[in-house]
Amino acid sequence: MTDESQSVLITGACGDIGRSLARVFARASARLALCDLVPPEAANSLVSELQQLGADLAPEPRRARAGGGRPVRGGGDDFGKA
């Protein structure tokens, strides 16, 4: 990552590839917004793991998503803003 703040949106964040990417970007100090269609327990597990790595997670969304998708963490109107 560069000295500038970087924001990353990861879809499928609770899957094997998404989780691995989230770890890599968390260690690189990127701001993360995560999304997946999973039960809350799986989402909470990922968020807890990334918080232990010191991840900068975007704030909880303030609006529902269309199509039944559940944001894990992040999104909303302020994603990508420092």
Protein backbone atom coordinates (compact mmCIF):
# COMPACT_ATOMS: atom_id res chain seq x y z
CA MET A 1 0.00 0.00 0.00
CA THR A 2 1.10 3.57 -0.47
CA ASP A 3 1.21 6.32 2.10
CA GLU A 4 -2.24 7.39 0.92
CA SER A 5 -5.28 5.86 2.55
CA GLN A 6 -6.59 2.96 0.46
CA SER A 7 -10.14 1.59 0.60
CA VAL A 8 -11.01 -1.92 -0.51
CA LEU A 9 -14.43 -3.49 -1.06
CA ILE A 10 -14.40 -7.29 -0.78
CA THR A 11 -17.45 -9.23 -1.87
CA GLY A 12 -17.69 -12.83 -0.73
CA ALA A 13 -15.60 -11.77 2.27
CA CYS A 14 -16.45 -14.80 4.41
CA GLY A 15 -15.34 -17.33 1.80
CA ASP A 16 -11.82 -18.69 1.65
CA ILE A 17 -10.54 -16.26 -0.98
CA GLY A 18 -12.38 -13.24 0.44
CA ARG A 19 -11.18 -13.95 3.97
CA SER A 20 -7.59 -14.31 2.75
CA LEU A 21 -7.81 -11.05 0.82
CA ALA A 22 -9.29 -9.29 3.86
CA ARG A 23 -6.35 -10.45 5.98
CA VAL A 24 -3.81 -9.28 3.40
CA PHE A 25 -5.39 -5.84 3.03
CA ALA A 26 -5.88 -5.50 6.81
CA ARG A 27 -2.17 -6.10 7.34
CA ALA A 28 -1.47 -3.51 4.64
CA SER A 29 -3.54 -0.93 6.58
CA ALA A 30 -6.28 -0.58 3.97
CA ARG A 31 -9.75 0.51 5.00
CA LEU A 32 -12.07 -2.46 4.45
CA ALA A 33 -15.71 -2.73 3.46
CA LEU A 34 -16.86 -6.35 3.48
CA CYS A 35 -19.94 -7.99 2.02
CA ASP A 36 -21.25 -11.56 1.88
CA LEU A 37 -24.45 -13.62 2.03
CA VAL A 38 -23.79 -15.49 5.25
CA PRO A 39 -25.36 -15.99 8.67
CA PRO A 40 -24.46 -13.30 11.24
CA GLU A 41 -22.24 -15.72 13.18
CA ALA A 42 -19.91 -16.16 10.20
CA ALA A 43 -19.78 -12.41 9.60
CA ASN A 44 -19.07 -11.68 13.26
CA SER A 45 -16.26 -14.24 13.25
CA LEU A 46 -14.55 -12.50 10.34
CA VAL A 47 -15.00 -9.03 11.83
CA SER A 48 -13.53 -10.19 15.16
CA GLU A 49 -10.55 -11.78 13.42
CA LEU A 50 -9.83 -8.64 11.42
CA GLN A 51 -10.22 -6.38 14.46
CA GLN A 52 -7.55 -8.47 16.21
CA LEU A 53 -5.28 -7.70 13.26
CA GLY A 54 -5.98 -3.99 13.78
CA ALA A 55 -8.07 -3.66 10.62
CA ASP A 56 -9.64 -0.32 9.73
CA LEU A 57 -13.22 -1.40 9.04
CA ALA A 58 -15.64 0.99 7.40
CA PRO A 59 -18.60 1.89 9.63
CA GLU A 60 -21.79 -0.16 9.71
CA PRO A 61 -24.12 0.64 6.81
CA ARG A 62 -27.14 2.82 7.41
CA ARG A 63 -29.40 1.34 4.78
CA ALA A 64 -30.61 -2.06 3.61
CA ARG A 65 -29.26 -3.64 0.46
CA ALA A 66 -31.47 -4.80 -2.41
CA GLY A 67 -31.66 -8.47 -3.31
CA GLY A 68 -31.24 -9.82 0.21
CA GLY A 69 -27.50 -9.19 0.42
CA ARG A 70 -26.18 -8.56 3.89
CA PRO A 71 -23.22 -6.24 4.35
CA VAL A 72 -20.74 -7.81 6.74
CA ARG A 73 -19.16 -4.51 7.59
CA GLY A 74 -18.76 -1.27 5.75
CA GLY A 75 -20.49 0.14 2.73
CA GLY A 76 -22.98 2.93 3.09
CA ASP A 77 -22.68 6.44 1.73
CA ASP A 78 -19.26 7.12 3.22
CA PHE A 79 -17.28 4.19 1.78
CA GLY A 80 -14.01 5.36 0.31
CA LYS A 81 -13.99 8.68 2.12
CA ALA A 82 -11.09 9.29 4.49
